[in-house]
Structure formats: C-alpha cells, structure tokens
Amino acid sequence: MKKEFYIVFLITIFNLSSTIAQINLKIGVNIGGQVSSLRGIEYETDNKFDIVQSVGVNLELGLSQSVSIVTSVNFERWKKSIDIYYNHYSNESKEGYDFFNVPLFVRYKFGGQKKYFLDTGGFMNYYNKGQPNGIMPLFIEFEDYNFGLAFGTGIVFHLNESWDITIQVRDDIGLSNINKYENQISGNIKTNTIRLIGTLNFKI
C-alpha cells in the first residue's frame, strides 16, 4: 500500500513539475489611448468623451504556447468637452472622470511564432472621483463600480528572449448601469470604450 502511495505521489510531483515548467510569467507597462461613449440616455445629447491616454501595469500568465491569462490595472481620466452659454456667448470647458480599469481575459495566440492573438473576457471599472469644470455640475455622476465584457485582438513583436511589445485593440462593452442619480440625467446608462494599447513586457 505504501509502495503504491509513493508511486502515485512521485507521478503527481512529476506531472506538477512539468506543468510548472511550461508556465511563464510576464510583467509589463501599458500606455495607450481610448475613446468612450455612453448608451441608454433617454434624450438626445452628446454622449461621447474626448480621446484620452491611459497608463498601467500588465501581468500575463502563460499556460501553454498558445493560451495565457492576462490582467492589468490601468489609470485613465475620461474627459468631456462641455459648451457653456452665457449672454449669447459660448465657451468650451472640460470636466474629468478618474477611473481605474481592471480587465481579465484569456488570450489565444496563433500564427507563425504565435505572433497574433485574440482576447476575450471581462472588465471592471472603479470610479475614483470627478473633476467638475468649476462652472457647472458634472454631466453625469458614475456609480462606484461598473463591469462588462471585453474583446480584443493584437500582434506581438518579439525583441529577444526576454522582451516583447504587444499592440492591442480592445472593446470594453459595459453591462451594468452606471447612472448614480437619475434625477440628474435619466436612463439605464452603460459605457462603451474602444482602446488602443501598447505594452512592453518582460519575461520573468
């Protein structure tokens, strides 16, 4: 009985060691641009935000040559241009919305040298604070958290055995209502964000 136990134990350790050997970990730095919009507002209005930058850190856990799990934490400040009218004059002012964006998705790599990839998964946004323009209240007050689905595609540029650069295009499709105060703006409102992200990765 003991002999069988030791055999099973050794086989388990061997298989676990083989699995761990195939796993590789990458850490990286993200920088990119994005444009966001809102859907579900009950009256016609400008629902788009300005094109803005985002920065963050990235983590990729490779499970095999073709499949990996990717997550990151990104800081982004959504900006919206508001036209303010006073005494027959108009002036453009900007307001800001600070978010932390955390996606989690499965990446499938394909093609020669696994150069191309497809991403599918989800995301969560944490709304940190708003920055009014100093004249008018914020266009909308976001809920503290919102979430949705994330889909992307991209390409990998291998610099050497340790370093690579990925370029990703991703669409974050919000599923949760972000409208905190319906007396301010009415509707079951959700987000949509198109992102272009470059990541410099280092293989640990």
Protein backbone atom coordinates (compact mmCIF):
# COMPACT_ATOMS: atom_id res chain seq x y z
CA MET A 1 0.00 0.00 0.00
CA LYS A 2 2.82 2.37 0.92
CA LYS A 3 4.64 1.48 -2.28
CA GLU A 4 1.58 2.35 -4.38
CA PHE A 5 1.18 5.61 -2.48
CA TYR A 6 4.79 6.61 -3.17
CA ILE A 7 4.41 5.76 -6.86
CA VAL A 8 1.25 7.89 -7.16
CA PHE A 9 2.96 10.68 -5.19
CA LEU A 10 6.02 10.68 -7.45
CA ILE A 11 3.87 10.65 -10.60
CA THR A 12 1.87 13.61 -9.25
CA ILE A 13 5.03 15.57 -8.44
CA PHE A 14 6.46 14.82 -11.88
CA ASN A 15 3.30 15.98 -13.65
CA LEU A 16 3.10 19.10 -11.48
CA SER A 17 6.74 19.92 -12.19
CA SER A 18 6.16 19.51 -15.92
CA THR A 19 3.13 21.83 -15.76
CA ILE A 20 5.00 24.49 -13.77
CA ALA A 21 7.90 24.32 -16.23
CA GLN A 22 5.50 25.19 -19.06
CA ILE A 23 4.08 28.21 -17.23
CA ASN A 24 5.79 31.52 -17.89
CA LEU A 25 5.09 34.90 -16.34
CA LYS A 26 5.42 38.32 -17.94
CA ILE A 27 5.14 41.74 -16.34
CA GLY A 28 4.71 44.87 -18.40
CA VAL A 29 3.90 48.54 -18.66
CA ASN A 30 0.84 49.75 -20.59
CA ILE A 31 0.39 53.04 -22.40
CA GLY A 32 -2.40 53.79 -24.81
CA GLY A 33 -5.30 55.87 -25.95
CA GLN A 34 -9.05 55.41 -25.77
CA VAL A 35 -12.39 56.95 -26.56
CA SER A 36 -15.53 56.28 -24.52
CA SER A 37 -19.23 56.84 -25.04
CA LEU A 38 -22.50 56.24 -23.19
CA ARG A 39 -25.60 54.44 -24.40
CA GLY A 40 -29.09 54.37 -22.93
CA ILE A 41 -29.57 58.12 -22.30
CA GLU A 42 -33.29 58.83 -22.71
CA TYR A 43 -32.88 62.13 -24.56
CA GLU A 44 -30.67 63.24 -27.42
CA THR A 45 -27.37 64.68 -26.24
CA ASP A 46 -23.65 64.44 -26.87
CA ASN A 47 -22.77 61.07 -25.33
CA LYS A 48 -19.10 60.90 -26.33
CA PHE A 49 -15.95 61.68 -24.36
CA ASP A 50 -12.64 63.01 -25.66
CA ILE A 51 -9.76 60.80 -26.76
CA VAL A 52 -7.51 60.40 -23.72
CA GLN A 53 -4.44 58.48 -22.55
CA SER A 54 -4.25 55.58 -20.13
CA VAL A 55 -1.27 54.08 -18.28
CA GLY A 56 -0.92 50.96 -16.18
CA VAL A 57 0.84 47.72 -15.32
CA ASN A 58 0.23 44.38 -17.01
CA LEU A 59 0.54 40.73 -15.95
CA GLU A 60 0.43 37.76 -18.32
CA LEU A 61 0.48 34.16 -17.11
CA GLY A 62 1.30 31.74 -19.92
CA LEU A 63 -0.38 28.34 -19.57
CA SER A 64 0.94 26.99 -22.87
CA GLN A 65 2.47 28.31 -26.08
CA SER A 66 -0.98 29.29 -27.33
CA VAL A 67 -3.01 30.18 -24.22
CA SER A 68 -2.42 32.71 -21.45
CA ILE A 69 -4.36 34.66 -18.84
CA VAL A 70 -3.89 38.44 -18.91
CA THR A 71 -4.86 41.12 -16.41
CA SER A 72 -3.81 44.69 -15.72
CA VAL A 73 -4.53 47.77 -13.63
CA ASN A 74 -4.82 50.98 -15.63
CA PHE A 75 -5.40 54.59 -14.63
CA GLU A 76 -7.43 56.73 -17.01
CA ARG A 77 -9.05 60.15 -16.86
CA TRP A 78 -12.09 60.42 -19.09
CA LYS A 79 -12.57 64.00 -20.32
CA LYS A 80 -15.70 65.58 -21.71
CA SER A 81 -15.97 68.91 -23.50
CA ILE A 82 -18.97 70.99 -22.43
CA ASP A 83 -20.25 74.08 -24.26
CA ILE A 84 -21.30 76.74 -21.74
CA TYR A 85 -23.60 79.51 -22.98
CA TYR A 86 -23.73 82.91 -21.27
CA ASN A 87 -25.17 86.19 -22.60
CA HIS A 88 -25.25 84.90 -26.20
CA TYR A 89 -21.64 83.74 -25.98
CA SER A 90 -20.40 80.18 -25.76
CA ASN A 91 -17.26 78.84 -24.19
CA GLU A 92 -15.90 75.28 -24.21
CA SER A 93 -14.93 73.85 -20.84
CA LYS A 94 -13.69 70.39 -19.87
CA GLU A 95 -14.57 68.12 -16.98
CA GLY A 96 -12.82 64.92 -15.91
CA TYR A 97 -13.67 61.49 -14.53
CA ASP A 98 -10.90 59.39 -12.93
CA PHE A 99 -11.14 55.61 -13.29
CA PHE A 100 -9.11 52.51 -12.51
CA ASN A 101 -9.74 49.89 -15.19
CA VAL A 102 -9.08 46.19 -14.41
CA PRO A 103 -9.58 43.71 -17.28
CA LEU A 104 -9.24 39.93 -17.05
CA PHE A 105 -9.25 37.81 -20.17
CA VAL A 106 -7.99 34.66 -21.86
CA ARG A 107 -5.53 35.25 -24.70
CA TYR A 108 -5.23 32.79 -27.59
CA LYS A 109 -2.10 33.15 -29.73
CA PHE A 110 -1.80 31.86 -33.27
CA GLY A 111 0.22 32.20 -36.47
CA GLY A 112 3.95 31.87 -37.02
CA GLN A 113 5.90 32.44 -33.78
CA LYS A 114 2.48 32.92 -32.13
CA LYS A 115 2.60 36.50 -33.38
CA TYR A 116 -1.14 37.23 -33.37
CA PHE A 117 -3.69 36.92 -30.60
CA LEU A 118 -7.37 37.13 -29.70
CA ASP A 119 -8.63 38.21 -26.26
CA THR A 120 -11.97 37.51 -24.61
CA GLY A 121 -13.05 38.15 -21.04
CA GLY A 122 -14.40 40.95 -18.90
CA PHE A 123 -13.51 44.17 -17.12
CA MET A 124 -14.34 46.19 -14.02
CA ASN A 125 -14.04 49.97 -13.69
CA TYR A 126 -13.63 51.68 -10.32
CA TYR A 127 -14.79 55.30 -10.39
CA ASN A 128 -12.39 57.26 -8.21
CA LYS A 129 -13.62 60.86 -8.49
CA GLY A 130 -14.99 63.51 -10.80
CA GLN A 131 -13.43 66.85 -11.64
CA PRO A 132 -16.11 69.47 -12.48
CA ASN A 133 -15.30 72.36 -14.78
CA GLY A 134 -15.89 74.87 -11.96
CA ILE A 135 -18.97 76.39 -13.58
CA MET A 136 -21.48 73.59 -13.96
CA PRO A 137 -22.02 70.29 -12.11
CA LEU A 138 -20.75 67.10 -13.72
CA PHE A 139 -22.59 65.89 -16.81
CA ILE A 140 -23.19 62.55 -15.05
CA GLU A 141 -22.29 61.02 -11.68
CA PHE A 142 -20.99 57.46 -12.11
CA GLU A 143 -21.66 54.51 -9.84
CA ASP A 144 -18.58 53.47 -7.86
CA TYR A 145 -18.17 50.26 -9.91
CA ASN A 146 -19.24 49.08 -13.34
CA PHE A 147 -18.42 45.96 -15.33
CA GLY A 148 -18.88 44.33 -18.71
CA LEU A 149 -17.39 42.19 -21.47
CA ALA A 150 -14.05 42.77 -23.18
CA PHE A 151 -12.96 41.61 -26.64
CA GLY A 152 -9.69 42.36 -28.35
CA THR A 153 -7.10 41.41 -30.92
CA GLY A 154 -3.49 42.29 -31.50
CA ILE A 155 0.04 41.48 -32.52
CA VAL A 156 3.28 40.61 -30.68
CA PHE A 157 6.72 41.94 -31.64
CA HIS A 158 9.46 39.76 -30.13
CA LEU A 159 12.54 41.84 -29.32
CA ASN A 160 14.57 38.99 -27.79
CA GLU A 161 14.01 36.01 -25.49
CA SER A 162 13.06 38.24 -22.53
CA TRP A 163 11.37 41.31 -24.03
CA ASP A 164 8.43 41.84 -26.36
CA ILE A 165 5.94 44.53 -27.32
CA THR A 166 2.24 43.89 -27.83
CA ILE A 167 -0.19 46.17 -29.66
CA GLN A 168 -3.82 45.54 -28.77
CA VAL A 169 -7.16 46.92 -29.97
CA ARG A 170 -9.93 46.23 -27.42
CA ASP A 171 -13.60 47.00 -26.98
CA ASP A 172 -14.97 47.19 -23.41
CA ILE A 173 -18.76 46.79 -23.58
CA GLY A 174 -20.43 47.84 -20.34
CA LEU A 175 -23.28 45.71 -18.97
CA SER A 176 -24.08 47.47 -15.68
CA ASN A 177 -25.99 50.70 -15.17
CA ILE A 178 -23.51 53.48 -14.33
CA ASN A 179 -26.11 56.20 -13.66
CA LYS A 180 -25.96 57.02 -9.94
CA TYR A 181 -28.52 59.84 -9.83
CA GLU A 182 -31.38 59.56 -12.33
CA ASN A 183 -32.71 62.99 -11.34
CA GLN A 184 -29.52 64.42 -12.90
CA ILE A 185 -29.72 62.51 -16.19
CA SER A 186 -32.33 59.87 -16.98
CA GLY A 187 -31.84 56.41 -18.42
CA ASN A 188 -30.34 52.98 -17.79
CA ILE A 189 -26.90 54.07 -18.97
CA LYS A 190 -23.97 51.84 -19.92
CA THR A 191 -20.46 52.52 -21.18
CA ASN A 192 -18.54 51.56 -24.29
CA THR A 193 -14.79 52.13 -24.63
CA ILE A 194 -12.52 51.49 -27.64
CA ARG A 195 -8.86 51.16 -26.66
CA LEU A 196 -5.51 51.04 -28.46
CA ILE A 197 -2.85 49.81 -26.03
CA GLY A 198 0.86 49.20 -26.34
CA THR A 199 2.58 47.02 -23.72
CA LEU A 200 6.29 46.49 -23.09
CA ASN A 201 6.64 43.04 -21.49
CA PHE A 202 9.49 41.38 -19.63
CA LYS A 203 9.52 37.60 -19.17
CA ILE A 204 10.45 36.62 -15.61
